[in-house]
PDB file of N, CA and C in Angstrom:
ATOM      1  N   MET A   1      98.216  93.238  91.852  1.00  0.00           N
ATOM      2  CA  MET A   1      98.155  92.043  92.670  1.00  0.00           C
ATOM      3  C   MET A   1      96.875  91.280  92.333  1.00  0.00           C
ATOM      4  N   SER A   2      96.997  90.001  92.138  1.00  0.00           N
ATOM      5  CA  SER A   2      95.854  89.144  91.867  1.00  0.00           C
ATOM      6  C   SER A   2      95.281  88.669  93.201  1.00  0.00           C
ATOM      7  N   VAL A   3      93.982  88.883  93.399  1.00  0.00           N
ATOM      8  CA  VAL A   3      93.353  88.468  94.645  1.00  0.00           C
ATOM      9  C   VAL A   3      92.476  87.247  94.405  1.00  0.00           C
ATOM     10  N   LEU A   4      92.321  86.467  95.462  1.00  0.00           N
ATOM     11  CA  LEU A   4      91.685  85.157  95.355  1.00  0.00           C
ATOM     12  C   LEU A   4      90.553  85.007  96.350  1.00  0.00           C
ATOM     13  N   VAL A   5      89.445  84.438  95.872  1.00  0.00           N
ATOM     14  CA  VAL A   5      88.335  84.017  96.715  1.00  0.00           C
ATOM     15  C   VAL A   5      88.294  82.494  96.613  1.00  0.00           C
ATOM     16  N   LEU A   6      88.333  81.820  97.749  1.00  0.00           N
ATOM     17  CA  LEU A   6      88.299  80.358  97.780  1.00  0.00           C
ATOM     18  C   LEU A   6      86.910  79.897  98.203  1.00  0.00           C
ATOM     19  N   VAL A   7      86.297  79.045  97.373  1.00  0.00           N
ATOM     20  CA  VAL A   7      84.974  78.491  97.648  1.00  0.00           C
ATOM     21  C   VAL A   7      85.149  77.016  97.985  1.00  0.00           C
ATOM     22  N   VAL A   8      84.602  76.609  99.134  1.00  0.00           N
ATOM     23  CA  VAL A   8      84.742  75.226  99.609  1.00  0.00           C
ATOM     24  C   VAL A   8      83.352  74.594  99.675  1.00  0.00           C
ATOM     25  N   ASP A   9      83.127  73.578  98.844  1.00  0.00           N
ATOM     26  CA  ASP A   9      81.835  72.895  98.833  1.00  0.00           C
ATOM     27  C   ASP A   9      82.006  71.553  98.141  1.00  0.00           C
ATOM     28  N   ASP A  10      81.378  70.527  98.690  1.00  0.00           N
ATOM     29  CA  ASP A  10      81.509  69.191  98.114  1.00  0.00           C
ATOM     30  C   ASP A  10      80.538  68.947  96.962  1.00  0.00           C
ATOM     31  N   GLU A  11      79.598  69.852  96.730  1.00  0.00           N
ATOM     32  CA  GLU A  11      78.645  69.696  95.626  1.00  0.00           C
ATOM     33  C   GLU A  11      79.310  70.086  94.309  1.00  0.00           C
ATOM     34  N   PRO A  12      79.286  69.192  93.301  1.00  0.00           N
ATOM     35  CA  PRO A  12      79.990  69.464  92.048  1.00  0.00           C
ATOM     36  C   PRO A  12      79.429  70.635  91.242  1.00  0.00           C
ATOM     37  N   ASP A  13      78.148  70.974  91.397  1.00  0.00           N
ATOM     38  CA  ASP A  13      77.558  72.048  90.600  1.00  0.00           C
ATOM     39  C   ASP A  13      77.834  73.444  91.146  1.00  0.00           C
ATOM     40  N   VAL A  14      78.411  73.537  92.327  1.00  0.00           N
ATOM     41  CA  VAL A  14      78.676  74.837  92.952  1.00  0.00           C
ATOM     42  C   VAL A  14      79.660  75.667  92.125  1.00  0.00           C
ATOM     43  N   GLU A  15      80.696  75.034  91.614  1.00  0.00           N
ATOM     44  CA  GLU A  15      81.683  75.777  90.832  1.00  0.00           C
ATOM     45  C   GLU A  15      81.036  76.443  89.622  1.00  0.00           C
ATOM     46  N   ALA A  16      80.224  75.704  88.876  1.00  0.00           N
ATOM     47  CA  ALA A  16      79.560  76.272  87.696  1.00  0.00           C
ATOM     48  C   ALA A  16      78.637  77.423  88.089  1.00  0.00           C
ATOM     49  N   LEU A  17      77.923  77.279  89.190  1.00  0.00           N
ATOM     50  CA  LEU A  17      77.019  78.324  89.659  1.00  0.00           C
ATOM     51  C   LEU A  17      77.784  79.602  90.005  1.00  0.00           C
ATOM     52  N   PHE A  18      78.866  79.478  90.753  1.00  0.00           N
ATOM     53  CA  PHE A  18      79.661  80.646  91.137  1.00  0.00           C
ATOM     54  C   PHE A  18      80.336  81.285  89.918  1.00  0.00           C
ATOM     55  N   ARG A  19      80.851  80.472  89.021  1.00  0.00           N
ATOM     56  CA  ARG A  19      81.494  81.022  87.819  1.00  0.00           C
ATOM     57  C   ARG A  19      80.475  81.773  86.956  1.00  0.00           C
ATOM     58  N   GLN A  20      79.260  81.275  86.902  1.00  0.00           N
ATOM     59  CA  GLN A  20      78.202  81.947  86.150  1.00  0.00           C
ATOM     60  C   GLN A  20      77.835  83.279  86.811  1.00  0.00           C
ATOM     61  N   GLN A  21      77.646  83.274  88.117  1.00  0.00           N
ATOM     62  CA  GLN A  21      77.246  84.483  88.838  1.00  0.00           C
ATOM     63  C   GLN A  21      78.311  85.582  88.782  1.00  0.00           C
ATOM     64  N   PHE A  22      79.584  85.184  88.747  1.00  0.00           N
ATOM     65  CA  PHE A  22      80.681  86.157  88.786  1.00  0.00           C
ATOM     66  C   PHE A  22      81.460  86.211  87.472  1.00  0.00           C
ATOM     67  N   ARG A  23      80.833  85.774  86.380  1.00  0.00           N
ATOM     68  CA  ARG A  23      81.542  85.668  85.097  1.00  0.00           C
ATOM     69  C   ARG A  23      82.153  86.989  84.648  1.00  0.00           C
ATOM     70  N   ARG A  24      81.443  88.094  84.816  1.00  0.00           N
ATOM     71  CA  ARG A  24      81.990  89.396  84.384  1.00  0.00           C
ATOM     72  C   ARG A  24      83.214  89.775  85.212  1.00  0.00           C
ATOM     73  N   ASP A  25      83.117  89.580  86.526  1.00  0.00           N
ATOM     74  CA  ASP A  25      84.247  89.900  87.415  1.00  0.00           C
ATOM     75  C   ASP A  25      85.462  89.045  87.081  1.00  0.00           C
ATOM     76  N   LEU A  26      85.218  87.763  86.821  1.00  0.00           N
ATOM     77  CA  LEU A  26      86.320  86.849  86.527  1.00  0.00           C
ATOM     78  C   LEU A  26      86.934  87.187  85.163  1.00  0.00           C
ATOM     79  N   ARG A  27      86.097  87.503  84.185  1.00  0.00           N
ATOM     80  CA  ARG A  27      86.599  87.888  82.866  1.00  0.00           C
ATOM     81  C   ARG A  27      87.409  89.182  82.936  1.00  0.00           C
ATOM     82  N   ALA A  28      86.944  90.119  83.768  1.00  0.00           N
ATOM     83  CA  ALA A  28      87.635  91.406  83.930  1.00  0.00           C
ATOM     84  C   ALA A  28      88.845  91.284  84.856  1.00  0.00           C
ATOM     85  N   GLN A  29      89.046  90.098  85.402  1.00  0.00           N
ATOM     86  CA  GLN A  29      90.171  89.797  86.306  1.00  0.00           C
ATOM     87  C   GLN A  29      90.176  90.686  87.542  1.00  0.00           C
ATOM     88  N   ARG A  30      88.957  91.017  88.034  1.00  0.00           N
ATOM     89  CA  ARG A  30      88.855  91.767  89.295  1.00  0.00           C
ATOM     90  C   ARG A  30      89.365  90.908  90.443  1.00  0.00           C
ATOM     91  N   PHE A  31      89.131  89.600  90.354  1.00  0.00           N
ATOM     92  CA  PHE A  31      89.623  88.624  91.323  1.00  0.00           C
ATOM     93  C   PHE A  31      89.585  87.260  90.674  1.00  0.00           C
ATOM     94  N   ARG A  32      90.270  86.311  91.318  1.00  0.00           N
ATOM     95  CA  ARG A  32      90.227  84.920  90.870  1.00  0.00           C
ATOM     96  C   ARG A  32      89.371  84.143  91.857  1.00  0.00           C
ATOM     97  N   MET A  33      88.784  83.070  91.387  1.00  0.00           N
ATOM     98  CA  MET A  33      88.027  82.179  92.246  1.00  0.00           C
ATOM     99  C   MET A  33      88.619  80.793  92.120  1.00  0.00           C
ATOM    100  N   ASP A  34      88.887  80.192  93.257  1.00  0.00           N
ATOM    101  CA  ASP A  34      89.392  78.826  93.280  1.00  0.00           C
ATOM    102  C   ASP A  34      88.378  77.993  94.040  1.00  0.00           C
ATOM    103  N   PHE A  35      88.350  76.696  93.768  1.00  0.00           N
ATOM    104  CA  PHE A  35      87.337  75.822  94.348  1.00  0.00           C
ATOM    105  C   PHE A  35      88.001  74.598  94.971  1.00  0.00           C
ATOM    106  N   ALA A  36      87.568  74.285  96.188  1.00  0.00           N
ATOM    107  CA  ALA A  36      88.034  73.087  96.883  1.00  0.00           C
ATOM    108  C   ALA A  36      86.797  72.241  97.177  1.00  0.00           C
ATOM    109  N   ASN A  37      86.895  70.926  96.942  1.00  0.00           N
ATOM    110  CA  ASN A  37      85.722  70.078  97.158  1.00  0.00           C
ATOM    111  C   ASN A  37      85.720  69.372  98.505  1.00  0.00           C
ATOM    112  N   SER A  38      86.672  69.732  99.378  1.00  0.00           N
ATOM    113  CA  SER A  38      86.696  69.173 100.727  1.00  0.00           C
ATOM    114  C   SER A  38      87.424  70.143 101.652  1.00  0.00           C
ATOM    115  N   ALA A  39      87.199  69.985 102.940  1.00  0.00           N
ATOM    116  CA  ALA A  39      87.881  70.830 103.923  1.00  0.00           C
ATOM    117  C   ALA A  39      89.385  70.598 103.885  1.00  0.00           C
ATOM    118  N   ALA A  40      89.800  69.346 103.711  1.00  0.00           N
ATOM    119  CA  ALA A  40      91.235  69.035 103.663  1.00  0.00           C
ATOM    120  C   ALA A  40      91.900  69.729 102.477  1.00  0.00           C
ATOM    121  N   ASP A  41      91.242  69.694 101.322  1.00  0.00           N
ATOM    122  CA  ASP A  41      91.759  70.373 100.133  1.00  0.00           C
ATOM    123  C   ASP A  41      91.829  71.884 100.386  1.00  0.00           C
ATOM    124  N   ALA A  42      90.802  72.428 101.010  1.00  0.00           N
ATOM    125  CA  ALA A  42      90.777  73.864 101.308  1.00  0.00           C
ATOM    126  C   ALA A  42      91.915  74.259 102.244  1.00  0.00           C
ATOM    127  N   LEU A  43      92.158  73.463 103.276  1.00  0.00           N
ATOM    128  CA  LEU A  43      93.239  73.784 104.218  1.00  0.00           C
ATOM    129  C   LEU A  43      94.589  73.797 103.518  1.00  0.00           C
ATOM    130  N   ALA A  44      94.796  72.872 102.597  1.00  0.00           N
ATOM    131  CA  ALA A  44      96.050  72.844 101.839  1.00  0.00           C
ATOM    132  C   ALA A  44      96.181  74.102 100.985  1.00  0.00           C
ATOM    133  N   ARG A  45      95.092  74.533 100.371  1.00  0.00           N
ATOM    134  CA  ARG A  45      95.124  75.734  99.528  1.00  0.00           C
ATOM    135  C   ARG A  45      95.337  77.002 100.367  1.00  0.00           C
ATOM    136  N   VAL A  46      94.699  77.054 101.525  1.00  0.00           N
ATOM    137  CA  VAL A  46      94.877  78.215 102.410  1.00  0.00           C
ATOM    138  C   VAL A  46      96.327  78.299 102.866  1.00  0.00           C
ATOM    139  N   ALA A  47      96.895  77.167 103.227  1.00  0.00           N
ATOM    140  CA  ALA A  47      98.284  77.139 103.700  1.00  0.00           C
ATOM    141  C   ALA A  47      99.267  77.542 102.610  1.00  0.00           C
ATOM    142  N   SER A  48      98.911  77.268 101.352  1.00  0.00           N
ATOM    143  CA  SER A  48      99.845  77.567 100.265  1.00  0.00           C
ATOM    144  C   SER A  48      99.541  78.891  99.561  1.00  0.00           C
ATOM    145  N   SER A  49      98.510  79.610 100.026  1.00  0.00           N
ATOM    146  CA  SER A  49      98.176  80.884  99.361  1.00  0.00           C
ATOM    147  C   SER A  49      99.184  81.950  99.773  1.00  0.00           C
ATOM    148  N   PRO A  50      99.754  82.618  98.797  1.00  0.00           N
ATOM    149  CA  PRO A  50     100.789  83.598  99.105  1.00  0.00           C
ATOM    150  C   PRO A  50     100.222  84.885  99.708  1.00  0.00           C
ATOM    151  N   GLY A  51     100.822  85.313 100.778  1.00  0.00           N
ATOM    152  CA  GLY A  51     100.567  86.619 101.387  1.00  0.00           C
ATOM    153  C   GLY A  51      99.136  87.088 101.393  1.00  0.00           C
ATOM    154  N   ARG A  52      98.921  88.280 100.897  1.00  0.00           N
ATOM    155  CA  ARG A  52      97.613  88.917 100.966  1.00  0.00           C
ATOM    156  C   ARG A  52      96.698  88.557  99.811  1.00  0.00           C
ATOM    157  N   SER A  53      97.095  87.673  98.920  1.00  0.00           N
ATOM    158  CA  SER A  53      96.259  87.423  97.754  1.00  0.00           C
ATOM    159  C   SER A  53      94.923  86.763  98.100  1.00  0.00           C
ATOM    160  N   LEU A  54      94.868  85.963  99.159  1.00  0.00           N
ATOM    161  CA  LEU A  54      93.616  85.325  99.570  1.00  0.00           C
ATOM    162  C   LEU A  54      92.817  86.329 100.399  1.00  0.00           C
ATOM    163  N   ILE A  55      91.656  86.764  99.876  1.00  0.00           N
ATOM    164  CA  ILE A  55      90.893  87.795 100.576  1.00  0.00           C
ATOM    165  C   ILE A  55      89.627  87.271 101.241  1.00  0.00           C
ATOM    166  N   LEU A  56      89.179  86.056 100.882  1.00  0.00           N
ATOM    167  CA  LEU A  56      87.936  85.543 101.434  1.00  0.00           C
ATOM    168  C   LEU A  56      87.839  84.041 101.212  1.00  0.00           C
ATOM    169  N   VAL A  57      87.324  83.343 102.229  1.00  0.00           N
ATOM    170  CA  VAL A  57      86.993  81.927 102.104  1.00  0.00           C
ATOM    171  C   VAL A  57      85.491  81.802 102.326  1.00  0.00           C
ATOM    172  N   LEU A  58      84.823  81.138 101.395  1.00  0.00           N
ATOM    173  CA  LEU A  58      83.396  80.833 101.504  1.00  0.00           C
ATOM    174  C   LEU A  58      83.289  79.327 101.643  1.00  0.00           C
ATOM    175  N   SER A  59      82.706  78.869 102.750  1.00  0.00           N
ATOM    176  CA  SER A  59      82.689  77.426 102.964  1.00  0.00           C
ATOM    177  C   SER A  59      81.315  76.907 103.368  1.00  0.00           C
ATOM    178  N   ASP A  60      80.928  75.827 102.707  1.00  0.00           N
ATOM    179  CA  ASP A  60      79.742  75.097 103.111  1.00  0.00           C
ATOM    180  C   ASP A  60      79.993  74.516 104.497  1.00  0.00           C
ATOM    181  N   ILE A  61      78.952  74.373 105.282  1.00  0.00           N
ATOM    182  CA  ILE A  61      79.112  73.782 106.614  1.00  0.00           C
ATOM    183  C   ILE A  61      79.043  72.268 106.543  1.00  0.00           C
ATOM    184  N   ASN A  62      78.033  71.739 105.859  1.00  0.00           N
ATOM    185  CA  ASN A  62      77.831  70.288 105.827  1.00  0.00           C
ATOM    186  C   ASN A  62      78.577  69.655 104.668  1.00  0.00           C
ATOM    187  N   MET A  63      79.702  69.014 105.011  1.00  0.00           N
ATOM    188  CA  MET A  63      80.501  68.290 104.022  1.00  0.00           C
ATOM    189  C   MET A  63      80.929  66.969 104.651  1.00  0.00           C
ATOM    190  N   PRO A  64      81.130  65.934 103.827  1.00  0.00           N
ATOM    191  CA  PRO A  64      81.613  64.666 104.377  1.00  0.00           C
ATOM    192  C   PRO A  64      83.035  64.811 104.899  1.00  0.00           C
ATOM    193  N   GLY A  65      83.398  63.972 105.840  1.00  0.00           N
ATOM    194  CA  GLY A  65      84.730  64.073 106.447  1.00  0.00           C
ATOM    195  C   GLY A  65      84.726  65.214 107.436  1.00  0.00           C
ATOM    196  N   MET A  66      85.555  66.193 107.203  1.00  0.00           N
ATOM    197  CA  MET A  66      85.627  67.366 108.068  1.00  0.00           C
ATOM    198  C   MET A  66      84.562  68.381 107.634  1.00  0.00           C
ATOM    199  N   THR A  67      83.747  68.830 108.590  1.00  0.00           N
ATOM    200  CA  THR A  67      82.724  69.824 108.259  1.00  0.00           C
ATOM    201  C   THR A  67      83.358  71.218 108.167  1.00  0.00           C
ATOM    202  N   GLY A  68      82.591  72.140 107.622  1.00  0.00           N
ATOM    203  CA  GLY A  68      83.054  73.512 107.557  1.00  0.00           C
ATOM    204  C   GLY A  68      83.308  74.108 108.930  1.00  0.00           C
ATOM    205  N   LEU A  69      82.459  73.743 109.912  1.00  0.00           N
ATOM    206  CA  LEU A  69      82.656  74.245 111.282  1.00  0.00           C
ATOM    207  C   LEU A  69      83.926  73.678 111.913  1.00  0.00           C
ATOM    208  N   GLU A  70      84.288  72.449 111.560  1.00  0.00           N
ATOM    209  CA  GLU A  70      85.542  71.869 112.057  1.00  0.00           C
ATOM    210  C   GLU A  70      86.746  72.483 111.353  1.00  0.00           C
ATOM    211  N   MET A  71      86.574  72.853 110.090  1.00  0.00           N
ATOM    212  CA  MET A  71      87.659  73.446 109.315  1.00  0.00           C
ATOM    213  C   MET A  71      87.930  74.892 109.741  1.00  0.00           C
ATOM    214  N   LEU A  72      86.891  75.613 110.109  1.00  0.00           N
ATOM    215  CA  LEU A  72      86.976  77.045 110.380  1.00  0.00           C
ATOM    216  C   LEU A  72      88.101  77.442 111.343  1.00  0.00           C
ATOM    217  N   PRO A  73      88.205  76.862 112.539  1.00  0.00           N
ATOM    218  CA  PRO A  73      89.290  77.276 113.436  1.00  0.00           C
ATOM    219  C   PRO A  73      90.680  76.962 112.875  1.00  0.00           C
ATOM    220  N   ARG A  74      90.760  75.939 112.047  1.00  0.00           N
ATOM    221  CA  ARG A  74      92.062  75.593 111.451  1.00  0.00           C
ATOM    222  C   ARG A  74      92.459  76.621 110.392  1.00  0.00           C
ATOM    223  N   VAL A  75      91.474  77.107 109.634  1.00  0.00           N
ATOM    224  CA  VAL A  75      91.752  78.176 108.664  1.00  0.00           C
ATOM    225  C   VAL A  75      92.208  79.420 109.413  1.00  0.00           C
ATOM    226  N   LYS A  76      91.503  79.763 110.491  1.00  0.00           N
ATOM    227  CA  LYS A  76      91.833  80.967 111.259  1.00  0.00           C
ATOM    228  C   LYS A  76      93.211  80.846 111.913  1.00  0.00           C
ATOM    229  N   GLU A  77      93.612  79.628 112.241  1.00  0.00           N
ATOM    230  CA  GLU A  77      94.946  79.389 112.807  1.00  0.00           C
ATOM    231  C   GLU A  77      96.030  79.646 111.757  1.00  0.00           C
ATOM    232  N   ILE A  78      95.782  79.185 110.530  1.00  0.00           N
ATOM    233  CA  ILE A  78      96.759  79.343 109.443  1.00  0.00           C
ATOM    234  C   ILE A  78      96.780  80.780 108.937  1.00  0.00           C
ATOM    235  N   ARG A  79      95.602  81.339 108.729  1.00  0.00           N
ATOM    236  CA  ARG A  79      95.480  82.694 108.152  1.00  0.00           C
ATOM    237  C   ARG A  79      94.453  83.506 108.944  1.00  0.00           C
ATOM    238  N   PRO A  80      94.827  84.002 110.114  1.00  0.00           N
ATOM    239  CA  PRO A  80      93.874  84.759 110.936  1.00  0.00           C
ATOM    240  C   PRO A  80      93.369  86.036 110.259  1.00  0.00           C
ATOM    241  N   ASP A  81      94.091  86.506 109.261  1.00  0.00           N
ATOM    242  CA  ASP A  81      93.730  87.738 108.557  1.00  0.00           C
ATOM    243  C   ASP A  81      92.649  87.541 107.499  1.00  0.00           C
ATOM    244  N   VAL A  82      92.347  86.303 107.147  1.00  0.00           N
ATOM    245  CA  VAL A  82      91.412  86.034 106.057  1.00  0.00           C
ATOM    246  C   VAL A  82      90.014  85.761 106.626  1.00  0.00           C
ATOM    247  N   PRO A  83      89.023  86.565 106.206  1.00  0.00           N
ATOM    248  CA  PRO A  83      87.661  86.321 106.668  1.00  0.00           C
ATOM    249  C   PRO A  83      87.090  85.045 106.058  1.00  0.00           C
ATOM    250  N   VAL A  84      86.268  84.363 106.854  1.00  0.00           N
ATOM    251  CA  VAL A  84      85.612  83.136 106.399  1.00  0.00           C
ATOM    252  C   VAL A  84      84.105  83.325 106.584  1.00  0.00           C
ATOM    253  N   ILE A  85      83.370  83.129 105.512  1.00  0.00           N
ATOM    254  CA  ILE A  85      81.917  83.180 105.571  1.00  0.00           C
ATOM    255  C   ILE A  85      81.403  81.767 105.359  1.00  0.00           C
ATOM    256  N   MET A  86      80.574  81.312 106.278  1.00  0.00           N
ATOM    257  CA  MET A  86      80.027  79.969 106.204  1.00  0.00           C
ATOM    258  C   MET A  86      78.714  79.988 105.421  1.00  0.00           C
ATOM    259  N   ILE A  87      78.467  78.897 104.698  1.00  0.00           N
ATOM    260  CA  ILE A  87      77.264  78.753 103.889  1.00  0.00           C
ATOM    261  C   ILE A  87      76.522  77.507 104.368  1.00  0.00           C
ATOM    262  N   THR A  88      75.216  77.654 104.598  1.00  0.00           N
ATOM    263  CA  THR A  88      74.444  76.523 105.083  1.00  0.00           C
ATOM    264  C   THR A  88      73.043  76.519 104.484  1.00  0.00           C
ATOM    265  N   ALA A  89      72.499  75.343 104.352  1.00  0.00           N
ATOM    266  CA  ALA A  89      71.112  75.211 103.917  1.00  0.00           C
ATOM    267  C   ALA A  89      70.181  75.383 105.114  1.00  0.00           C
ATOM    268  N   TYR A  90      70.753  75.311 106.312  1.00  0.00           N
ATOM    269  CA  TYR A  90      69.957  75.375 107.542  1.00  0.00           C
ATOM    270  C   TYR A  90      70.395  76.599 108.336  1.00  0.00           C
ATOM    271  N   GLY A  91      69.636  77.680 108.227  1.00  0.00           N
ATOM    272  CA  GLY A  91      70.024  78.923 108.878  1.00  0.00           C
ATOM    273  C   GLY A  91      69.519  79.048 110.301  1.00  0.00           C
ATOM    274  N   ASP A  92      69.606  77.962 111.062  1.00  0.00           N
ATOM    275  CA  ASP A  92      69.093  78.015 112.428  1.00  0.00           C
ATOM    276  C   ASP A  92      70.044  78.795 113.348  1.00  0.00           C
ATOM    277  N   ALA A  93      69.509  79.263 114.458  1.00  0.00           N
ATOM    278  CA  ALA A  93      70.262  80.111 115.388  1.00  0.00           C
ATOM    279  C   ALA A  93      71.471  79.388 115.977  1.00  0.00           C
ATOM    280  N   ASP A  94      71.348  78.097 116.242  1.00  0.00           N
ATOM    281  CA  ASP A  94      72.453  77.346 116.840  1.00  0.00           C
ATOM    282  C   ASP A  94      73.642  77.252 115.881  1.00  0.00           C
ATOM    283  N   THR A  95      73.363  76.972 114.613  1.00  0.00           N
ATOM    284  CA  THR A  95      74.426  76.896 113.604  1.00  0.00           C
ATOM    285  C   THR A  95      75.102  78.252 113.456  1.00  0.00           C
ATOM    286  N   SER A  96      74.310  79.298 113.398  1.00  0.00           N
ATOM    287  CA  SER A  96      74.845  80.654 113.268  1.00  0.00           C
ATOM    288  C   SER A  96      75.735  80.991 114.463  1.00  0.00           C
ATOM    289  N   ARG A  97      75.273  80.683 115.661  1.00  0.00           N
ATOM    290  CA  ARG A  97      76.040  80.957 116.884  1.00  0.00           C
ATOM    291  C   ARG A  97      77.366  80.206 116.871  1.00  0.00           C
ATOM    292  N   LYS A  98      77.331  78.917 116.518  1.00  0.00           N
ATOM    293  CA  LYS A  98      78.555  78.111 116.473  1.00  0.00           C
ATOM    294  C   LYS A  98      79.553  78.677 115.459  1.00  0.00           C
ATOM    295  N   ALA A  99      79.054  79.067 114.290  1.00  0.00           N
ATOM    296  CA  ALA A  99      79.926  79.603 113.246  1.00  0.00           C
ATOM    297  C   ALA A  99      80.587  80.898 113.718  1.00  0.00           C
ATOM    298  N   LEU A 100      79.812  81.803 114.273  1.00  0.00           N
ATOM    299  CA  LEU A 100      80.356  83.092 114.709  1.00  0.00           C
ATOM    300  C   LEU A 100      81.308  82.927 115.890  1.00  0.00           C
ATOM    301  N   GLU A 101      80.976  82.030 116.814  1.00  0.00           N
ATOM    302  CA  GLU A 101      81.865  81.770 117.959  1.00  0.00           C
ATOM    303  C   GLU A 101      83.184  81.149 117.522  1.00  0.00           C
ATOM    304  N   SER A 102      83.163  80.421 116.414  1.00  0.00           N
ATOM    305  CA  SER A 102      84.377  79.772 115.913  1.00  0.00           C
ATOM    306  C   SER A 102      85.219  80.688 115.036  1.00  0.00           C
ATOM    307  N   GLY A 103      84.751  81.913 114.813  1.00  0.00           N
ATOM    308  CA  GLY A 103      85.550  82.872 114.065  1.00  0.00           C
ATOM    309  C   GLY A 103      85.036  83.248 112.695  1.00  0.00           C
ATOM    310  N   ALA A 104      83.844  82.775 112.311  1.00  0.00           N
ATOM    311  CA  ALA A 104      83.299  83.140 111.005  1.00  0.00           C
ATOM    312  C   ALA A 104      82.971  84.630 110.970  1.00  0.00           C
ATOM    313  N   SER A 105      83.162  85.230 109.817  1.00  0.00           N
ATOM    314  CA  SER A 105      82.825  86.643 109.632  1.00  0.00           C
ATOM    315  C   SER A 105      81.349  86.826 109.316  1.00  0.00           C
ATOM    316  N   GLY A 106      80.689  85.743 108.923  1.00  0.00           N
ATOM    317  CA  GLY A 106      79.278  85.815 108.591  1.00  0.00           C
ATOM    318  C   GLY A 106      78.736  84.462 108.199  1.00  0.00           C
ATOM    319  N   LEU A 107      77.442  84.426 107.941  1.00  0.00           N
ATOM    320  CA  LEU A 107      76.768  83.183 107.572  1.00  0.00           C
ATOM    321  C   LEU A 107      75.768  83.493 106.466  1.00  0.00           C
ATOM    322  N   LEU A 108      75.851  82.749 105.368  1.00  0.00           N
ATOM    323  CA  LEU A 108      74.890  82.864 104.270  1.00  0.00           C
ATOM    324  C   LEU A 108      74.060  81.596 104.229  1.00  0.00           C
ATOM    325  N   THR A 109      72.778  81.750 103.932  1.00  0.00           N
ATOM    326  CA  THR A 109      71.937  80.567 103.788  1.00  0.00           C
ATOM    327  C   THR A 109      71.662  80.315 102.312  1.00  0.00           C
ATOM    328  N   LYS A 110      71.470  79.036 102.003  1.00  0.00           N
ATOM    329  CA  LYS A 110      71.133  78.638 100.638  1.00  0.00           C
ATOM    330  C   LYS A 110      69.634  78.777 100.456  1.00  0.00           C
ATOM    331  N   PRO A 111      69.143  79.192  99.319  1.00  0.00           N
ATOM    332  CA  PRO A 111      69.926  79.610  98.162  1.00  0.00           C
ATOM    333  C   PRO A 111      70.648  80.922  98.458  1.00  0.00           C
ATOM    334  N   ILE A 112      71.855  81.032  97.955  1.00  0.00           N
ATOM    335  CA  ILE A 112      72.715  82.173  98.246  1.00  0.00           C
ATOM    336  C   ILE A 112      72.183  83.435  97.562  1.00  0.00           C
ATOM    337  N   ASP A 113      72.152  84.516  98.310  1.00  0.00           N
ATOM    338  CA  ASP A 113      71.813  85.826  97.757  1.00  0.00           C
ATOM    339  C   ASP A 113      73.111  86.380  97.163  1.00  0.00           C
ATOM    340  N   PHE A 114      73.272  86.245  95.851  1.00  0.00           N
ATOM    341  CA  PHE A 114      74.530  86.625  95.215  1.00  0.00           C
ATOM    342  C   PHE A 114      74.760  88.135  95.202  1.00  0.00           C
ATOM    343  N   SER A 115      73.704  88.934  95.314  1.00  0.00           N
ATOM    344  CA  SER A 115      73.927  90.382  95.398  1.00  0.00           C
ATOM    345  C   SER A 115      74.581  90.730  96.738  1.00  0.00           C
ATOM    346  N   LEU A 116      74.162  90.083  97.810  1.00  0.00           N
ATOM    347  CA  LEU A 116      74.818  90.282  99.115  1.00  0.00           C
ATOM    348  C   LEU A 116      76.255  89.786  99.085  1.00  0.00           C
ATOM    349  N   LEU A 117      76.469  88.646  98.472  1.00  0.00           N
ATOM    350  CA  LEU A 117      77.817  88.098  98.378  1.00  0.00           C
ATOM    351  C   LEU A 117      78.710  89.010  97.538  1.00  0.00           C
ATOM    352  N   ARG A 118      78.176  89.566  96.469  1.00  0.00           N
ATOM    353  CA  ARG A 118      78.948  90.501  95.632  1.00  0.00           C
ATOM    354  C   ARG A 118      79.377  91.720  96.461  1.00  0.00           C
ATOM    355  N   GLU A 119      78.474  92.235  97.293  1.00  0.00           N
ATOM    356  CA  GLU A 119      78.812  93.369  98.172  1.00  0.00           C
ATOM    357  C   GLU A 119      79.953  93.003  99.112  1.00  0.00           C
ATOM    358  N   GLU A 120      79.896  91.801  99.653  1.00  0.00           N
ATOM    359  CA  GLU A 120      80.940  91.344 100.573  1.00  0.00           C
ATOM    360  C   GLU A 120      82.283  91.240  99.850  1.00  0.00           C
ATOM    361  N   ILE A 121      82.285  90.676  98.667  1.00  0.00           N
ATOM    362  CA  ILE A 121      83.523  90.552  97.890  1.00  0.00           C
ATOM    363  C   ILE A 121      84.050  91.942  97.526  1.00  0.00           C
ATOM    364  N   ASP A 122      83.158  92.840  97.122  1.00  0.00           N
ATOM    365  CA  ASP A 122      83.586  94.209  96.792  1.00  0.00           C
ATOM    366  C   ASP A 122      84.256  94.881  97.993  1.00  0.00           C
ATOM    367  N   LYS A 123      83.686  94.673  99.166  1.00  0.00           N
ATOM    368  CA  LYS A 123      84.262  95.246 100.392  1.00  0.00           C
ATOM    369  C   LYS A 123      85.661  94.697 100.630  1.00  0.00           C
ATOM    370  N   ARG A 124      85.830  93.396 100.438  1.00  0.00           N
ATOM    371  CA  ARG A 124      87.147  92.767 100.640  1.00  0.00           C
ATOM    372  C   ARG A 124      88.151  93.240  99.582  1.00  0.00           C
ATOM    373  N   LEU A 125      87.683  93.455  98.358  1.00  0.00           N
ATOM    374  CA  LEU A 125      88.571  93.954  97.303  1.00  0.00           C
ATOM    375  C   LEU A 125      89.076  95.358  97.655  1.00  0.00           C
ATOM    376  N   THR A 126      88.192  96.191  98.177  1.00  0.00           N
ATOM    377  CA  THR A 126      88.580  97.546  98.572  1.00  0.00           C
ATOM    378  C   THR A 126      89.621  97.501  99.694  1.00  0.00           C
ATOM    379  N   GLN A 127      89.421  96.613 100.660  1.00  0.00           N
ATOM    380  CA  GLN A 127      90.368  96.496 101.777  1.00  0.00           C
ATOM    381  C   GLN A 127      91.714  95.947 101.323  1.00  0.00           C
ATOM    382  N   ALA A 128      91.723  95.135 100.274  1.00  0.00           N
ATOM    383  CA  ALA A 128      92.968  94.518  99.811  1.00  0.00           C
ATOM    384  C   ALA A 128      93.853  95.492  99.049  1.00  0.00           C
ATOM    385  N   ARG A 129      93.290  96.574  98.600  1.00  0.00           N
ATOM    386  CA  ARG A 129      94.062  97.541  97.794  1.00  0.00           C
ATOM    387  C   ARG A 129      94.780  98.536  98.648  1.00  0.00           C
TER     388      ARG A 129
END
């Protein structure tokens, strides 16, 4: 089974950064990574993801249009089984509280600690098998 991690961020350089950080995993086909540049695009991808293949959504909070915090409950409505980790440049207590109250599984601050993120993805891969 091919498993998918969906990254949602409006910054164009995010895809290159994530592909670089996870290049070995992606080459070894441990999982696939898909990228959405808006919350609306992400919601469409979540709705169309087949069954258990989507194992994690990573979403920036501050995006134009619909924010990550506004998108979060809609993702949980469509796919309550899929964990969502929010990413923010501002790791203040209020943002963290709002994210967790809205159903986020966690919160990462920028710059992202990719070793922590790798651990999280590994945990989700183990659960998906």
